[in-house]
Amino acid sequence: MDQQQAHSFAQRNKQNYLQAKDAYNARDLDACIAYYAPDHQIMSKPTPRGREHIRRFFEESFATWPDIRIAVENALAEDDWVMGRSITTATHSSTVMGVPATHKTIETTFWDLHRFNREGLIIQTWNLMDGLSMMSQLGLMPSR
């Protein structure tokens, strides 16, 4: 693959990443999951292969944080990789980390790294959330 073709694939993957986030925010799980390969695997919390695991992760997120929104602040693409830094906001409307609902808006940063296959589908995902910020906002530790 030449450099121009590699750049083209990277830009396609970045666009697919952003469209998957838009579908997530629209609560269109079928459209969101369509950006994941059938043999997708979550790597940050190793799971068996299969997109049903990422679907379950999203469904659990919506159950815990019904109004969750992801705002992609940065997305970088190179070869078959896309890395994003996003700000997530949601109302603390159910028990999280043992803390009953406060109905406060929680805002935290997370980073995700995705590897794409030749067809432009996500085959591997790593996630990292600013858990200290979330714990602080939930009152589990002193504010920074």
N, C-alpha and C. Protein backbone atom coordinates (compact mmCIF):
# COMPACT_ATOMS: atom_id res chain seq x y z
N MET A 1 0.85 -1.18 0.00
CA MET A 1 0.00 0.00 0.00
C MET A 1 0.90 1.24 0.00
N ASP A 2 0.62 2.19 -0.88
CA ASP A 2 1.43 3.40 -0.93
C ASP A 2 0.95 4.39 0.14
N GLN A 3 1.73 5.45 0.32
CA GLN A 3 1.46 6.43 1.37
C GLN A 3 0.12 7.13 1.18
N GLN A 4 -0.23 7.45 -0.04
CA GLN A 4 -1.51 8.13 -0.31
C GLN A 4 -2.68 7.21 0.04
N GLN A 5 -2.57 5.95 -0.32
CA GLN A 5 -3.62 4.99 -0.01
C GLN A 5 -3.75 4.79 1.50
N ALA A 6 -2.61 4.72 2.21
CA ALA A 6 -2.62 4.58 3.67
C ALA A 6 -3.30 5.79 4.31
N HIS A 7 -3.00 6.98 3.80
CA HIS A 7 -3.63 8.20 4.32
C HIS A 7 -5.14 8.17 4.08
N SER A 8 -5.53 7.71 2.91
CA SER A 8 -6.96 7.61 2.57
C SER A 8 -7.68 6.65 3.51
N PHE A 9 -7.08 5.49 3.78
CA PHE A 9 -7.68 4.52 4.70
C PHE A 9 -7.77 5.11 6.11
N ALA A 10 -6.72 5.80 6.54
CA ALA A 10 -6.72 6.40 7.88
C ALA A 10 -7.84 7.43 8.00
N GLN A 11 -8.03 8.26 6.97
CA GLN A 11 -9.10 9.26 7.01
C GLN A 11 -10.48 8.61 7.00
N ARG A 12 -10.65 7.53 6.22
CA ARG A 12 -11.91 6.79 6.23
C ARG A 12 -12.19 6.24 7.62
N ASN A 13 -11.16 5.67 8.25
CA ASN A 13 -11.33 5.11 9.58
C ASN A 13 -11.71 6.18 10.60
N LYS A 14 -11.07 7.34 10.49
CA LYS A 14 -11.40 8.45 11.40
C LYS A 14 -12.85 8.87 11.21
N GLN A 15 -13.29 8.96 9.97
CA GLN A 15 -14.68 9.33 9.69
C GLN A 15 -15.63 8.28 10.27
N ASN A 16 -15.30 7.00 10.11
CA ASN A 16 -16.14 5.94 10.67
C ASN A 16 -16.19 6.03 12.19
N TYR A 17 -15.06 6.32 12.81
CA TYR A 17 -14.99 6.51 14.27
C TYR A 17 -15.95 7.62 14.71
N LEU A 18 -15.87 8.76 14.01
CA LEU A 18 -16.73 9.90 14.36
C LEU A 18 -18.21 9.58 14.12
N GLN A 19 -18.52 8.87 13.05
CA GLN A 19 -19.90 8.50 12.77
C GLN A 19 -20.43 7.51 13.80
N ALA A 20 -19.58 6.61 14.27
CA ALA A 20 -19.98 5.68 15.33
C ALA A 20 -20.33 6.45 16.60
N LYS A 21 -19.54 7.47 16.93
CA LYS A 21 -19.84 8.30 18.12
C LYS A 21 -21.15 9.05 17.92
N ASP A 22 -21.41 9.56 16.73
CA ASP A 22 -22.68 10.25 16.45
C ASP A 22 -23.85 9.30 16.63
N ALA A 23 -23.72 8.07 16.14
CA ALA A 23 -24.80 7.08 16.29
C ALA A 23 -25.00 6.73 17.76
N TYR A 24 -23.91 6.63 18.52
CA TYR A 24 -23.99 6.38 19.96
C TYR A 24 -24.79 7.50 20.63
N ASN A 25 -24.43 8.74 20.35
CA ASN A 25 -25.13 9.88 20.95
C ASN A 25 -26.60 9.92 20.55
N ALA A 26 -26.92 9.43 19.35
CA ALA A 26 -28.31 9.39 18.87
C ALA A 26 -29.07 8.18 19.43
N ARG A 27 -28.37 7.35 20.20
CA ARG A 27 -28.95 6.11 20.77
C ARG A 27 -29.37 5.12 19.68
N ASP A 28 -28.72 5.20 18.53
CA ASP A 28 -28.98 4.26 17.44
C ASP A 28 -27.92 3.17 17.51
N LEU A 29 -28.15 2.21 18.43
CA LEU A 29 -27.15 1.18 18.66
C LEU A 29 -26.89 0.32 17.43
N ASP A 30 -27.91 0.03 16.65
CA ASP A 30 -27.69 -0.77 15.45
C ASP A 30 -26.73 -0.06 14.49
N ALA A 31 -26.93 1.24 14.29
CA ALA A 31 -26.03 2.00 13.41
C ALA A 31 -24.64 2.08 14.02
N CYS A 32 -24.54 2.27 15.32
CA CYS A 32 -23.26 2.34 16.00
C CYS A 32 -22.50 1.02 15.87
N ILE A 33 -23.17 -0.07 16.18
CA ILE A 33 -22.55 -1.39 16.16
C ILE A 33 -22.12 -1.78 14.75
N ALA A 34 -22.77 -1.24 13.74
CA ALA A 34 -22.41 -1.55 12.35
C ALA A 34 -20.98 -1.11 12.02
N TYR A 35 -20.39 -0.22 12.82
CA TYR A 35 -19.01 0.21 12.61
C TYR A 35 -18.00 -0.73 13.26
N TYR A 36 -18.49 -1.75 13.94
CA TYR A 36 -17.63 -2.73 14.62
C TYR A 36 -17.65 -4.04 13.84
N ALA A 37 -16.50 -4.65 13.68
CA ALA A 37 -16.39 -5.93 12.98
C ALA A 37 -17.11 -7.02 13.77
N PRO A 38 -17.65 -8.02 13.07
CA PRO A 38 -18.32 -9.13 13.78
C PRO A 38 -17.41 -9.81 14.81
N ASP A 39 -16.09 -9.79 14.58
CA ASP A 39 -15.16 -10.41 15.53
C ASP A 39 -14.44 -9.37 16.40
N HIS A 40 -15.08 -8.22 16.62
CA HIS A 40 -14.53 -7.15 17.44
C HIS A 40 -14.17 -7.68 18.83
N GLN A 41 -13.13 -7.08 19.41
CA GLN A 41 -12.73 -7.47 20.76
C GLN A 41 -12.37 -6.23 21.58
N ILE A 42 -12.93 -6.15 22.79
CA ILE A 42 -12.55 -5.11 23.75
C ILE A 42 -11.25 -5.57 24.40
N MET A 43 -10.21 -4.77 24.30
CA MET A 43 -8.89 -5.15 24.79
C MET A 43 -8.59 -4.60 26.18
N SER A 44 -9.18 -3.46 26.54
CA SER A 44 -8.89 -2.85 27.84
C SER A 44 -9.45 -3.69 28.99
N LYS A 45 -10.51 -4.40 28.73
CA LYS A 45 -11.07 -5.38 29.66
C LYS A 45 -11.31 -6.60 28.79
N PRO A 46 -10.25 -7.42 28.60
CA PRO A 46 -10.33 -8.48 27.59
C PRO A 46 -11.63 -9.28 27.65
N THR A 47 -12.26 -9.34 26.50
CA THR A 47 -13.51 -10.09 26.34
C THR A 47 -13.32 -11.04 25.17
N PRO A 48 -14.18 -12.03 25.08
CA PRO A 48 -14.15 -12.88 23.88
C PRO A 48 -14.47 -12.02 22.65
N ARG A 49 -14.16 -12.52 21.49
CA ARG A 49 -14.47 -11.82 20.25
C ARG A 49 -15.98 -11.84 20.01
N GLY A 50 -16.47 -10.79 19.38
CA GLY A 50 -17.88 -10.69 19.03
C GLY A 50 -18.43 -9.32 19.37
N ARG A 51 -19.16 -8.74 18.45
CA ARG A 51 -19.66 -7.38 18.68
C ARG A 51 -20.75 -7.33 19.73
N GLU A 52 -21.29 -8.48 20.14
CA GLU A 52 -22.31 -8.46 21.20
C GLU A 52 -21.73 -7.92 22.51
N HIS A 53 -20.41 -8.01 22.71
CA HIS A 53 -19.81 -7.52 23.95
C HIS A 53 -19.76 -5.99 23.97
N ILE A 54 -19.45 -5.38 22.84
CA ILE A 54 -19.46 -3.92 22.79
C ILE A 54 -20.90 -3.41 22.87
N ARG A 55 -21.85 -4.13 22.28
CA ARG A 55 -23.26 -3.75 22.40
C ARG A 55 -23.69 -3.78 23.86
N ARG A 56 -23.33 -4.84 24.58
CA ARG A 56 -23.69 -4.95 26.00
C ARG A 56 -23.06 -3.81 26.80
N PHE A 57 -21.80 -3.49 26.50
CA PHE A 57 -21.13 -2.37 27.18
C PHE A 57 -21.90 -1.07 26.97
N PHE A 58 -22.32 -0.82 25.73
CA PHE A 58 -23.09 0.39 25.43
C PHE A 58 -24.45 0.37 26.13
N GLU A 59 -25.12 -0.76 26.11
CA GLU A 59 -26.43 -0.87 26.76
C GLU A 59 -26.31 -0.63 28.26
N GLU A 60 -25.27 -1.16 28.88
CA GLU A 60 -25.04 -0.94 30.31
C GLU A 60 -24.73 0.53 30.60
N SER A 61 -23.98 1.17 29.70
CA SER A 61 -23.70 2.60 29.86
C SER A 61 -24.99 3.41 29.83
N PHE A 62 -25.87 3.11 28.87
CA PHE A 62 -27.14 3.83 28.77
C PHE A 62 -28.03 3.57 29.98
N ALA A 63 -28.00 2.35 30.52
CA ALA A 63 -28.82 2.03 31.69
C ALA A 63 -28.33 2.80 32.92
N THR A 64 -27.01 2.95 33.06
CA THR A 64 -26.45 3.66 34.20
C THR A 64 -26.50 5.17 34.02
N TRP A 65 -26.28 5.63 32.81
CA TRP A 65 -26.20 7.06 32.49
C TRP A 65 -27.16 7.34 31.32
N PRO A 66 -28.45 7.42 31.54
CA PRO A 66 -29.42 7.53 30.44
C PRO A 66 -29.20 8.71 29.49
N ASP A 67 -28.64 9.80 29.99
CA ASP A 67 -28.47 10.98 29.12
C ASP A 67 -27.00 11.20 28.73
N ILE A 68 -26.19 10.18 28.80
CA ILE A 68 -24.76 10.31 28.48
C ILE A 68 -24.56 10.88 27.07
N ARG A 69 -23.59 11.79 26.98
CA ARG A 69 -23.22 12.40 25.69
C ARG A 69 -21.70 12.38 25.58
N ILE A 70 -21.23 12.09 24.40
CA ILE A 70 -19.79 12.06 24.12
C ILE A 70 -19.49 13.18 23.14
N ALA A 71 -18.56 14.04 23.53
CA ALA A 71 -18.09 15.10 22.63
C ALA A 71 -16.63 14.80 22.30
N VAL A 72 -16.37 14.43 21.06
CA VAL A 72 -15.00 14.14 20.64
C VAL A 72 -14.25 15.46 20.51
N GLU A 73 -13.22 15.59 21.30
CA GLU A 73 -12.39 16.81 21.28
C GLU A 73 -11.24 16.67 20.29
N ASN A 74 -10.65 15.48 20.23
CA ASN A 74 -9.53 15.21 19.32
C ASN A 74 -9.69 13.81 18.77
N ALA A 75 -9.39 13.65 17.50
CA ALA A 75 -9.35 12.32 16.88
C ALA A 75 -8.18 12.32 15.91
N LEU A 76 -7.29 11.38 16.10
CA LEU A 76 -6.10 11.26 15.28
C LEU A 76 -6.10 9.90 14.61
N ALA A 77 -5.75 9.88 13.33
CA ALA A 77 -5.75 8.62 12.57
C ALA A 77 -4.40 8.42 11.91
N GLU A 78 -3.92 7.18 12.00
CA GLU A 78 -2.69 6.79 11.32
C GLU A 78 -2.77 5.31 11.01
N ASP A 79 -2.49 4.98 9.77
CA ASP A 79 -2.56 3.58 9.32
C ASP A 79 -3.93 3.00 9.69
N ASP A 80 -3.94 1.91 10.45
CA ASP A 80 -5.23 1.29 10.81
C ASP A 80 -5.66 1.64 12.23
N TRP A 81 -5.13 2.74 12.77
CA TRP A 81 -5.43 3.16 14.13
C TRP A 81 -6.14 4.51 14.16
N VAL A 82 -7.09 4.63 15.10
CA VAL A 82 -7.72 5.92 15.40
C VAL A 82 -7.72 6.07 16.92
N MET A 83 -7.24 7.22 17.38
CA MET A 83 -7.18 7.54 18.81
C MET A 83 -8.05 8.76 19.04
N GLY A 84 -8.89 8.70 20.05
CA GLY A 84 -9.75 9.83 20.37
C GLY A 84 -9.63 10.25 21.82
N ARG A 85 -9.83 11.54 22.05
CA ARG A 85 -9.95 12.10 23.40
C ARG A 85 -11.30 12.78 23.42
N SER A 86 -12.13 12.37 24.36
CA SER A 86 -13.50 12.88 24.40
C SER A 86 -13.86 13.35 25.80
N ILE A 87 -14.84 14.22 25.85
CA ILE A 87 -15.44 14.66 27.11
C ILE A 87 -16.83 14.03 27.17
N THR A 88 -17.09 13.36 28.27
CA THR A 88 -18.38 12.71 28.48
C THR A 88 -19.12 13.45 29.58
N THR A 89 -20.38 13.76 29.33
CA THR A 89 -21.24 14.36 30.35
C THR A 89 -22.47 13.49 30.53
N ALA A 90 -22.92 13.40 31.77
CA ALA A 90 -24.11 12.61 32.07
C ALA A 90 -24.62 13.00 33.46
N THR A 91 -25.90 12.79 33.67
CA THR A 91 -26.51 13.04 34.97
C THR A 91 -26.35 11.80 35.83
N HIS A 92 -25.89 12.00 37.05
CA HIS A 92 -25.74 10.90 38.01
C HIS A 92 -27.14 10.55 38.55
N SER A 93 -27.84 9.71 37.78
CA SER A 93 -29.24 9.40 38.08
C SER A 93 -29.47 7.98 38.60
N SER A 94 -28.40 7.23 38.82
CA SER A 94 -28.52 5.89 39.42
C SER A 94 -27.27 5.65 40.28
N THR A 95 -27.31 4.62 41.08
CA THR A 95 -26.18 4.32 41.95
C THR A 95 -24.95 3.95 41.11
N VAL A 96 -23.85 4.65 41.39
CA VAL A 96 -22.58 4.42 40.69
C VAL A 96 -21.49 4.34 41.75
N MET A 97 -20.69 3.29 41.68
CA MET A 97 -19.60 3.09 42.64
C MET A 97 -20.12 3.15 44.07
N GLY A 98 -21.33 2.68 44.29
CA GLY A 98 -21.93 2.67 45.61
C GLY A 98 -22.54 3.98 46.06
N VAL A 99 -22.48 5.00 45.21
CA VAL A 99 -23.01 6.32 45.55
C VAL A 99 -24.41 6.47 44.97
N PRO A 100 -25.43 6.68 45.82
CA PRO A 100 -26.79 6.88 45.30
C PRO A 100 -26.85 8.11 44.40
N ALA A 101 -27.84 8.15 43.56
CA ALA A 101 -28.01 9.25 42.60
C ALA A 101 -28.01 10.60 43.30
N THR A 102 -27.23 11.53 42.74
CA THR A 102 -27.19 12.91 43.24
C THR A 102 -27.88 13.86 42.26
N HIS A 103 -28.13 13.39 41.07
CA HIS A 103 -28.72 14.17 39.97
C HIS A 103 -27.84 15.34 39.55
N LYS A 104 -26.56 15.27 39.89
CA LYS A 104 -25.58 16.25 39.44
C LYS A 104 -25.06 15.81 38.07
N THR A 105 -24.61 16.80 37.29
CA THR A 105 -23.96 16.49 36.02
C THR A 105 -22.52 16.12 36.29
N ILE A 106 -22.15 14.96 35.77
CA ILE A 106 -20.77 14.47 35.90
C ILE A 106 -20.11 14.67 34.53
N GLU A 107 -18.89 15.19 34.55
CA GLU A 107 -18.14 15.38 33.31
C GLU A 107 -16.76 14.77 33.50
N THR A 108 -16.36 13.95 32.57
CA THR A 108 -15.05 13.33 32.65
C THR A 108 -14.46 13.13 31.25
N THR A 109 -13.17 12.99 31.23
CA THR A 109 -12.45 12.77 29.98
C THR A 109 -12.19 11.29 29.80
N PHE A 110 -12.26 10.82 28.57
CA PHE A 110 -11.80 9.46 28.29
C PHE A 110 -11.09 9.43 26.96
N TRP A 111 -10.23 8.44 26.85
CA TRP A 111 -9.46 8.22 25.65
C TRP A 111 -9.81 6.84 25.13
N ASP A 112 -9.91 6.71 23.83
CA ASP A 112 -10.13 5.39 23.25
C ASP A 112 -9.24 5.23 22.03
N LEU A 113 -8.77 4.00 21.88
CA LEU A 113 -7.90 3.64 20.78
C LEU A 113 -8.55 2.48 20.06
N HIS A 114 -8.67 2.61 18.75
CA HIS A 114 -9.33 1.58 17.94
C HIS A 114 -8.42 1.16 16.81
N ARG A 115 -8.40 -0.15 16.55
CA ARG A 115 -7.72 -0.67 15.37
C ARG A 115 -8.79 -1.11 14.39
N PHE A 116 -8.61 -0.73 13.13
CA PHE A 116 -9.58 -1.00 12.07
C PHE A 116 -9.07 -2.09 11.14
N ASN A 117 -10.00 -2.81 10.54
CA ASN A 117 -9.63 -3.80 9.53
C ASN A 117 -9.62 -3.14 8.15
N ARG A 118 -9.33 -3.89 7.10
CA ARG A 118 -9.24 -3.35 5.74
C ARG A 118 -10.57 -2.80 5.25
N GLU A 119 -11.68 -3.30 5.79
CA GLU A 119 -13.02 -2.83 5.38
C GLU A 119 -13.45 -1.56 6.12
N GLY A 120 -12.63 -1.09 7.05
CA GLY A 120 -12.96 0.13 7.78
C GLY A 120 -13.82 -0.11 9.01
N LEU A 121 -13.82 -1.35 9.51
CA LEU A 121 -14.58 -1.68 10.72
C LEU A 121 -13.61 -1.82 11.90
N ILE A 122 -14.09 -1.45 13.07
CA ILE A 122 -13.27 -1.51 14.28
C ILE A 122 -13.14 -2.98 14.71
N ILE A 123 -11.89 -3.43 14.87
CA ILE A 123 -11.68 -4.82 15.28
C ILE A 123 -11.16 -4.94 16.71
N GLN A 124 -10.53 -3.88 17.23
CA GLN A 124 -10.06 -3.90 18.61
C GLN A 124 -10.26 -2.52 19.22
N THR A 125 -10.58 -2.51 20.53
CA THR A 125 -10.85 -1.27 21.24
C THR A 125 -10.18 -1.28 22.61
N TRP A 126 -9.52 -0.18 22.93
CA TRP A 126 -8.99 0.07 24.27
C TRP A 126 -9.63 1.36 24.77
N ASN A 127 -10.04 1.40 26.04
CA ASN A 127 -10.66 2.58 26.65
C ASN A 127 -9.94 2.92 27.94
N LEU A 128 -9.80 4.20 28.22
CA LEU A 128 -9.24 4.67 29.48
C LEU A 128 -10.02 5.90 29.91
N MET A 129 -10.63 5.84 31.10
CA MET A 129 -11.42 6.96 31.60
C MET A 129 -10.71 7.59 32.78
N ASP A 130 -10.90 8.88 32.96
CA ASP A 130 -10.36 9.60 34.10
C ASP A 130 -11.22 9.26 35.33
N GLY A 131 -10.94 8.10 35.90
CA GLY A 131 -11.71 7.62 37.04
C GLY A 131 -11.56 8.49 38.27
N LEU A 132 -10.39 9.12 38.48
CA LEU A 132 -10.21 9.99 39.64
C LEU A 132 -11.14 11.19 39.58
N SER A 133 -11.29 11.75 38.40
CA SER A 133 -12.21 12.88 38.24
C SER A 133 -13.64 12.45 38.56
N MET A 134 -14.03 11.29 38.05
CA MET A 134 -15.38 10.81 38.32
C MET A 134 -15.58 10.55 39.81
N MET A 135 -14.60 9.90 40.45
CA MET A 135 -14.71 9.62 41.87
C MET A 135 -14.81 10.90 42.69
N SER A 136 -14.05 11.91 42.31
CA SER A 136 -14.10 13.20 42.99
C SER A 136 -15.48 13.84 42.86
N GLN A 137 -16.04 13.81 41.64
CA GLN A 137 -17.36 14.40 41.42
C GLN A 137 -18.47 13.64 42.14
N LEU A 138 -18.25 12.33 42.36
CA LEU A 138 -19.22 11.52 43.10
C LEU A 138 -19.05 11.67 44.60
N GLY A 139 -18.03 12.41 45.03
CA GLY A 139 -17.81 12.63 46.46
C GLY A 139 -17.02 11.52 47.14
N LEU A 140 -16.34 10.69 46.36
CA LEU A 140 -15.59 9.58 46.92
C LEU A 140 -14.16 9.95 47.31
N MET A 141 -13.75 11.15 46.95
CA MET A 141 -12.42 11.63 47.31
C MET A 141 -12.43 13.15 47.26
N PRO A 142 -11.48 13.78 47.91
CA PRO A 142 -11.44 15.25 47.90
C PRO A 142 -11.32 15.81 46.50
N SER A 143 -11.90 16.96 46.29
CA SER A 143 -11.80 17.64 44.99
C SER A 143 -10.35 18.03 44.75
N ARG A 144 -10.01 18.07 43.46
CA ARG A 144 -8.64 18.48 43.11
C ARG A 144 -8.56 19.97 43.10
